[in-house]
Amino acid sequence: TLATIQMRAEPVNKVEIYLDKIYEFIKTAVQNKAQLIVFPEDSLTPLFGVIPQIKDLFEKENREKIGNKPFGNIEEVISESFGENVKIIDILKFITPYFKNIFLKVFPFLSKSFGVYIITGSAMLETENGKVKNIAYLYFFLM
Protein backbone atom coordinates (compact mmCIF):
# COMPACT_ATOMS: atom_id res chain seq x y z
CA THR A 1 0.00 0.00 0.00
CA LEU A 2 1.22 3.48 -0.91
CA ALA A 3 0.78 6.64 1.15
CA THR A 4 1.52 10.03 -0.34
CA ILE A 5 2.06 12.79 2.16
CA GLN A 6 0.72 16.29 1.66
CA MET A 7 2.15 18.94 3.90
CA ARG A 8 2.02 22.70 4.15
CA ALA A 9 5.18 24.65 3.42
CA GLU A 10 4.65 26.76 6.53
CA PRO A 11 7.89 27.63 8.31
CA VAL A 12 8.62 26.17 11.73
CA ASN A 13 10.85 27.90 14.27
CA LYS A 14 12.17 24.68 15.84
CA VAL A 15 13.50 21.53 14.21
CA GLU A 16 11.62 19.46 16.80
CA ILE A 17 8.28 20.75 15.49
CA TYR A 18 9.18 19.56 11.99
CA LEU A 19 10.38 16.17 13.26
CA ASP A 20 7.17 15.69 15.25
CA LYS A 21 5.13 16.37 12.10
CA ILE A 22 7.19 13.90 10.06
CA TYR A 23 6.81 11.26 12.76
CA GLU A 24 3.03 11.77 12.90
CA PHE A 25 2.71 11.56 9.09
CA ILE A 26 4.60 8.26 9.06
CA LYS A 27 2.76 6.86 12.08
CA THR A 28 -0.62 7.65 10.50
CA ALA A 29 0.43 6.13 7.18
CA VAL A 30 1.59 2.94 8.92
CA GLN A 31 -1.67 2.74 10.90
CA ASN A 32 -3.42 2.83 7.52
CA LYS A 33 -1.29 -0.13 6.33
CA ALA A 34 1.13 1.84 4.12
CA GLN A 35 4.29 0.03 3.10
CA LEU A 36 5.69 2.82 0.91
CA ILE A 37 5.48 6.41 2.16
CA VAL A 38 6.28 9.22 -0.28
CA PHE A 39 6.94 12.77 0.90
CA PRO A 40 6.46 15.73 -1.46
CA GLU A 41 9.05 17.70 -3.35
CA ASP A 42 10.63 20.39 -1.18
CA SER A 43 9.50 18.57 1.96
CA LEU A 44 12.21 20.26 4.04
CA THR A 45 11.00 23.78 3.16
CA PRO A 46 9.38 24.33 6.60
CA LEU A 47 12.85 24.10 8.17
CA PHE A 48 13.87 27.36 6.51
CA GLY A 49 11.84 29.01 9.28
CA VAL A 50 14.58 28.12 11.76
CA ILE A 51 16.79 30.80 10.14
CA PRO A 52 15.32 34.18 11.26
CA GLN A 53 15.93 36.10 8.02
CA ILE A 54 14.60 33.21 5.96
CA LYS A 55 11.46 33.15 8.05
CA ASP A 56 10.98 36.79 7.04
CA LEU A 57 10.76 35.67 3.40
CA PHE A 58 7.51 33.90 4.29
CA GLU A 59 5.93 37.07 5.69
CA LYS A 60 2.99 38.47 3.74
CA GLU A 61 4.71 41.50 2.21
CA ASN A 62 7.62 39.43 0.99
CA ARG A 63 5.37 36.71 -0.41
CA GLU A 64 3.62 39.43 -2.39
CA LYS A 65 6.99 40.70 -3.70
CA ILE A 66 8.10 37.20 -4.63
CA GLY A 67 4.77 36.48 -6.30
CA ASN A 68 3.19 33.11 -6.90
CA LYS A 69 5.99 31.96 -9.19
CA PRO A 70 8.63 29.74 -7.64
CA PHE A 71 11.67 31.94 -7.03
CA GLY A 72 9.83 34.92 -8.58
CA ASN A 73 11.68 37.99 -7.25
CA ILE A 74 13.24 36.03 -4.41
CA GLU A 75 16.77 37.23 -5.22
CA GLU A 76 15.64 40.82 -4.59
CA VAL A 77 14.06 39.90 -1.25
CA ILE A 78 17.15 37.91 -0.22
CA SER A 79 19.40 40.87 -1.09
CA GLU A 80 17.26 43.13 1.12
CA SER A 81 17.36 40.64 4.02
CA PHE A 82 20.96 39.39 3.81
CA GLY A 83 22.83 41.97 1.76
CA GLU A 84 23.65 42.44 -1.90
CA ASN A 85 26.31 39.77 -2.11
CA VAL A 86 24.13 36.93 -0.81
CA LYS A 87 22.36 34.79 -3.40
CA ILE A 88 19.86 31.99 -2.97
CA ILE A 89 22.56 29.50 -3.95
CA ASP A 90 24.61 30.66 -0.93
CA ILE A 91 21.71 29.96 1.39
CA LEU A 92 21.13 26.52 -0.13
CA LYS A 93 24.80 25.66 0.32
CA PHE A 94 24.69 26.93 3.91
CA ILE A 95 21.72 24.76 4.91
CA THR A 96 22.88 21.62 3.07
CA PRO A 97 24.69 20.01 6.05
CA TYR A 98 21.65 20.50 8.28
CA PHE A 99 19.15 19.21 5.74
CA LYS A 100 21.38 16.26 4.82
CA ASN A 101 21.63 15.38 8.50
CA ILE A 102 17.85 14.97 8.61
CA PHE A 103 17.80 13.02 5.35
CA LEU A 104 20.65 10.73 6.39
CA LYS A 105 19.74 10.16 10.05
CA VAL A 106 16.07 10.80 10.77
CA PHE A 107 14.40 9.22 7.73
CA PRO A 108 16.45 5.98 7.83
CA PHE A 109 15.75 5.67 11.56
CA LEU A 110 12.01 6.07 10.98
CA SER A 111 12.08 3.68 8.03
CA LYS A 112 13.75 1.02 10.14
CA SER A 113 11.62 1.70 13.23
CA PHE A 114 8.34 1.39 11.33
CA GLY A 115 9.55 -1.25 8.85
CA VAL A 116 8.46 0.74 5.79
CA TYR A 117 9.93 2.18 2.61
CA ILE A 118 10.26 5.98 2.67
CA ILE A 119 10.94 8.32 -0.23
CA THR A 120 12.02 11.54 1.44
CA GLY A 121 10.78 14.05 -1.05
CA SER A 122 13.44 16.32 -2.43
CA ALA A 123 15.48 19.33 -1.45
CA MET A 124 17.97 21.55 -3.21
CA LEU A 125 21.28 20.40 -1.71
CA GLU A 126 24.94 20.98 -2.46
CA THR A 127 26.70 17.95 -3.91
CA GLU A 128 30.31 16.88 -3.38
CA ASN A 129 31.39 18.83 -6.48
CA GLY A 130 29.89 22.08 -5.16
CA LYS A 131 26.83 22.12 -7.42
CA VAL A 132 23.32 22.42 -6.03
CA LYS A 133 20.90 19.73 -7.20
CA ASN A 134 17.40 18.57 -6.34
CA ILE A 135 18.02 15.40 -4.31
CA ALA A 136 15.72 12.80 -2.73
CA TYR A 137 16.46 9.54 -0.92
CA LEU A 138 14.79 6.13 -0.72
CA TYR A 139 15.10 4.16 2.51
CA PHE A 140 14.07 0.60 3.23
CA PHE A 141 15.12 -2.08 5.65
CA LEU A 142 14.59 -5.78 5.21
CA MET A 143 13.10 -7.33 8.29
C-alpha atoms as a PDB file:
ATOM      1  CA  THR A   1       0.000   0.000   0.000  1.00  0.00           C
ATOM      2  CA  LEU A   2       1.215   3.476  -0.912  1.00  0.00           C
ATOM      3  CA  ALA A   3       0.777   6.640   1.151  1.00  0.00           C
ATOM      4  CA  THR A   4       1.524  10.028  -0.341  1.00  0.00           C
ATOM      5  CA  ILE A   5       2.058  12.786   2.161  1.00  0.00           C
ATOM      6  CA  GLN A   6       0.722  16.286   1.665  1.00  0.00           C
ATOM      7  CA  MET A   7       2.147  18.941   3.901  1.00  0.00           C
ATOM      8  CA  ARG A   8       2.022  22.697   4.147  1.00  0.00           C
ATOM      9  CA  ALA A   9       5.182  24.649   3.418  1.00  0.00           C
ATOM     10  CA  GLU A  10       4.654  26.762   6.532  1.00  0.00           C
ATOM     11  CA  PRO A  11       7.895  27.630   8.307  1.00  0.00           C
ATOM     12  CA  VAL A  12       8.615  26.172  11.731  1.00  0.00           C
ATOM     13  CA  ASN A  13      10.847  27.896  14.268  1.00  0.00           C
ATOM     14  CA  LYS A  14      12.170  24.684  15.840  1.00  0.00           C
ATOM     15  CA  VAL A  15      13.499  21.528  14.205  1.00  0.00           C
ATOM     16  CA  GLU A  16      11.621  19.457  16.801  1.00  0.00           C
ATOM     17  CA  ILE A  17       8.285  20.747  15.487  1.00  0.00           C
ATOM     18  CA  TYR A  18       9.179  19.562  11.991  1.00  0.00           C
ATOM     19  CA  LEU A  19      10.376  16.171  13.258  1.00  0.00           C
ATOM     20  CA  ASP A  20       7.165  15.694  15.255  1.00  0.00           C
ATOM     21  CA  LYS A  21       5.128  16.371  12.095  1.00  0.00           C
ATOM     22  CA  ILE A  22       7.193  13.897  10.058  1.00  0.00           C
ATOM     23  CA  TYR A  23       6.813  11.259  12.765  1.00  0.00           C
ATOM     24  CA  GLU A  24       3.030  11.766  12.899  1.00  0.00           C
ATOM     25  CA  PHE A  25       2.706  11.556   9.093  1.00  0.00           C
ATOM     26  CA  ILE A  26       4.603   8.261   9.056  1.00  0.00           C
ATOM     27  CA  LYS A  27       2.757   6.859  12.080  1.00  0.00           C
ATOM     28  CA  THR A  28      -0.623   7.652  10.499  1.00  0.00           C
ATOM     29  CA  ALA A  29       0.427   6.134   7.180  1.00  0.00           C
ATOM     30  CA  VAL A  30       1.586   2.939   8.919  1.00  0.00           C
ATOM     31  CA  GLN A  31      -1.673   2.742  10.899  1.00  0.00           C
ATOM     32  CA  ASN A  32      -3.416   2.828   7.516  1.00  0.00           C
ATOM     33  CA  LYS A  33      -1.290  -0.125   6.334  1.00  0.00           C
ATOM     34  CA  ALA A  34       1.125   1.836   4.120  1.00  0.00           C
ATOM     35  CA  GLN A  35       4.292   0.030   3.103  1.00  0.00           C
ATOM     36  CA  LEU A  36       5.686   2.823   0.913  1.00  0.00           C
ATOM     37  CA  ILE A  37       5.480   6.415   2.156  1.00  0.00           C
ATOM     38  CA  VAL A  38       6.282   9.221  -0.283  1.00  0.00           C
ATOM     39  CA  PHE A  39       6.944  12.767   0.897  1.00  0.00           C
ATOM     40  CA  PRO A  40       6.457  15.731  -1.462  1.00  0.00           C
ATOM     41  CA  GLU A  41       9.054  17.703  -3.346  1.00  0.00           C
ATOM     42  CA  ASP A  42      10.634  20.393  -1.178  1.00  0.00           C
ATOM     43  CA  SER A  43       9.499  18.565   1.957  1.00  0.00           C
ATOM     44  CA  LEU A  44      12.207  20.259   4.035  1.00  0.00           C
ATOM     45  CA  THR A  45      10.998  23.776   3.162  1.00  0.00           C
ATOM     46  CA  PRO A  46       9.376  24.329   6.595  1.00  0.00           C
ATOM     47  CA  LEU A  47      12.846  24.101   8.166  1.00  0.00           C
ATOM     48  CA  PHE A  48      13.874  27.360   6.508  1.00  0.00           C
ATOM     49  CA  GLY A  49      11.836  29.008   9.280  1.00  0.00           C
ATOM     50  CA  VAL A  50      14.580  28.124  11.757  1.00  0.00           C
ATOM     51  CA  ILE A  51      16.787  30.798  10.140  1.00  0.00           C
ATOM     52  CA  PRO A  52      15.325  34.180  11.260  1.00  0.00           C
ATOM     53  CA  GLN A  53      15.931  36.101   8.020  1.00  0.00           C
ATOM     54  CA  ILE A  54      14.602  33.207   5.957  1.00  0.00           C
ATOM     55  CA  LYS A  55      11.456  33.150   8.055  1.00  0.00           C
ATOM     56  CA  ASP A  56      10.976  36.787   7.043  1.00  0.00           C
ATOM     57  CA  LEU A  57      10.755  35.667   3.403  1.00  0.00           C
ATOM     58  CA  PHE A  58       7.509  33.904   4.285  1.00  0.00           C
ATOM     59  CA  GLU A  59       5.930  37.070   5.691  1.00  0.00           C
ATOM     60  CA  LYS A  60       2.990  38.466   3.742  1.00  0.00           C
ATOM     61  CA  GLU A  61       4.710  41.501   2.207  1.00  0.00           C
ATOM     62  CA  ASN A  62       7.625  39.427   0.994  1.00  0.00           C
ATOM     63  CA  ARG A  63       5.370  36.708  -0.410  1.00  0.00           C
ATOM     64  CA  GLU A  64       3.621  39.434  -2.390  1.00  0.00           C
ATOM     65  CA  LYS A  65       6.988  40.698  -3.704  1.00  0.00           C
ATOM     66  CA  ILE A  66       8.097  37.203  -4.631  1.00  0.00           C
ATOM     67  CA  GLY A  67       4.773  36.481  -6.305  1.00  0.00           C
ATOM     68  CA  ASN A  68       3.193  33.109  -6.899  1.00  0.00           C
ATOM     69  CA  LYS A  69       5.991  31.962  -9.186  1.00  0.00           C
ATOM     70  CA  PRO A  70       8.633  29.738  -7.639  1.00  0.00           C
ATOM     71  CA  PHE A  71      11.667  31.936  -7.025  1.00  0.00           C
ATOM     72  CA  GLY A  72       9.826  34.920  -8.578  1.00  0.00           C
ATOM     73  CA  ASN A  73      11.679  37.990  -7.247  1.00  0.00           C
ATOM     74  CA  ILE A  74      13.243  36.028  -4.408  1.00  0.00           C
ATOM     75  CA  GLU A  75      16.772  37.229  -5.221  1.00  0.00           C
ATOM     76  CA  GLU A  76      15.638  40.822  -4.587  1.00  0.00           C
ATOM     77  CA  VAL A  77      14.055  39.904  -1.253  1.00  0.00           C
ATOM     78  CA  ILE A  78      17.154  37.912  -0.223  1.00  0.00           C
ATOM     79  CA  SER A  79      19.396  40.873  -1.094  1.00  0.00           C
ATOM     80  CA  GLU A  80      17.261  43.129   1.116  1.00  0.00           C
ATOM     81  CA  SER A  81      17.360  40.637   4.019  1.00  0.00           C
ATOM     82  CA  PHE A  82      20.959  39.390   3.812  1.00  0.00           C
ATOM     83  CA  GLY A  83      22.826  41.974   1.762  1.00  0.00           C
ATOM     84  CA  GLU A  84      23.654  42.439  -1.904  1.00  0.00           C
ATOM     85  CA  ASN A  85      26.313  39.771  -2.114  1.00  0.00           C
ATOM     86  CA  VAL A  86      24.127  36.929  -0.812  1.00  0.00           C
ATOM     87  CA  LYS A  87      22.360  34.790  -3.404  1.00  0.00           C
ATOM     88  CA  ILE A  88      19.861  31.993  -2.972  1.00  0.00           C
ATOM     89  CA  ILE A  89      22.563  29.499  -3.954  1.00  0.00           C
ATOM     90  CA  ASP A  90      24.612  30.659  -0.934  1.00  0.00           C
ATOM     91  CA  ILE A  91      21.706  29.962   1.390  1.00  0.00           C
ATOM     92  CA  LEU A  92      21.127  26.517  -0.128  1.00  0.00           C
ATOM     93  CA  LYS A  93      24.798  25.657   0.324  1.00  0.00           C
ATOM     94  CA  PHE A  94      24.690  26.930   3.912  1.00  0.00           C
ATOM     95  CA  ILE A  95      21.720  24.759   4.908  1.00  0.00           C
ATOM     96  CA  THR A  96      22.885  21.621   3.071  1.00  0.00           C
ATOM     97  CA  PRO A  97      24.694  20.008   6.051  1.00  0.00           C
ATOM     98  CA  TYR A  98      21.651  20.499   8.280  1.00  0.00           C
ATOM     99  CA  PHE A  99      19.151  19.207   5.738  1.00  0.00           C
ATOM    100  CA  LYS A 100      21.379  16.261   4.820  1.00  0.00           C
ATOM    101  CA  ASN A 101      21.635  15.383   8.497  1.00  0.00           C
ATOM    102  CA  ILE A 102      17.855  14.970   8.615  1.00  0.00           C
ATOM    103  CA  PHE A 103      17.797  13.024   5.346  1.00  0.00           C
ATOM    104  CA  LEU A 104      20.650  10.734   6.393  1.00  0.00           C
ATOM    105  CA  LYS A 105      19.744  10.156  10.052  1.00  0.00           C
ATOM    106  CA  VAL A 106      16.071  10.800  10.766  1.00  0.00           C
ATOM    107  CA  PHE A 107      14.402   9.218   7.734  1.00  0.00           C
ATOM    108  CA  PRO A 108      16.449   5.977   7.829  1.00  0.00           C
ATOM    109  CA  PHE A 109      15.753   5.668  11.560  1.00  0.00           C
ATOM    110  CA  LEU A 110      12.010   6.073  10.983  1.00  0.00           C
ATOM    111  CA  SER A 111      12.078   3.676   8.032  1.00  0.00           C
ATOM    112  CA  LYS A 112      13.751   1.018  10.142  1.00  0.00           C
ATOM    113  CA  SER A 113      11.617   1.700  13.234  1.00  0.00           C
ATOM    114  CA  PHE A 114       8.343   1.390  11.332  1.00  0.00           C
ATOM    115  CA  GLY A 115       9.550  -1.247   8.847  1.00  0.00           C
ATOM    116  CA  VAL A 116       8.463   0.741   5.789  1.00  0.00           C
ATOM    117  CA  TYR A 117       9.932   2.184   2.611  1.00  0.00           C
ATOM    118  CA  ILE A 118      10.256   5.976   2.669  1.00  0.00           C
ATOM    119  CA  ILE A 119      10.945   8.321  -0.230  1.00  0.00           C
ATOM    120  CA  THR A 120      12.020  11.544   1.445  1.00  0.00           C
ATOM    121  CA  GLY A 121      10.775  14.052  -1.055  1.00  0.00           C
ATOM    122  CA  SER A 122      13.437  16.319  -2.429  1.00  0.00           C
ATOM    123  CA  ALA A 123      15.476  19.326  -1.454  1.00  0.00           C
ATOM    124  CA  MET A 124      17.967  21.545  -3.215  1.00  0.00           C
ATOM    125  CA  LEU A 125      21.281  20.405  -1.714  1.00  0.00           C
ATOM    126  CA  GLU A 126      24.938  20.982  -2.459  1.00  0.00           C
ATOM    127  CA  THR A 127      26.701  17.946  -3.906  1.00  0.00           C
ATOM    128  CA  GLU A 128      30.315  16.878  -3.380  1.00  0.00           C
ATOM    129  CA  ASN A 129      31.385  18.829  -6.484  1.00  0.00           C
ATOM    130  CA  GLY A 130      29.888  22.083  -5.157  1.00  0.00           C
ATOM    131  CA  LYS A 131      26.835  22.119  -7.416  1.00  0.00           C
ATOM    132  CA  VAL A 132      23.316  22.416  -6.028  1.00  0.00           C
ATOM    133  CA  LYS A 133      20.901  19.728  -7.202  1.00  0.00           C
ATOM    134  CA  ASN A 134      17.398  18.571  -6.340  1.00  0.00           C
ATOM    135  CA  ILE A 135      18.022  15.397  -4.307  1.00  0.00           C
ATOM    136  CA  ALA A 136      15.722  12.798  -2.734  1.00  0.00           C
ATOM    137  CA  TYR A 137      16.456   9.538  -0.923  1.00  0.00           C
ATOM    138  CA  LEU A 138      14.788   6.132  -0.724  1.00  0.00           C
ATOM    139  CA  TYR A 139      15.096   4.162   2.507  1.00  0.00           C
ATOM    140  CA  PHE A 140      14.070   0.604   3.232  1.00  0.00           C
ATOM    141  CA  PHE A 141      15.122  -2.085   5.648  1.00  0.00           C
ATOM    142  CA  LEU A 142      14.591  -5.783   5.215  1.00  0.00           C
ATOM    143  CA  MET A 143      13.096  -7.325   8.293  1.00  0.00           C
END
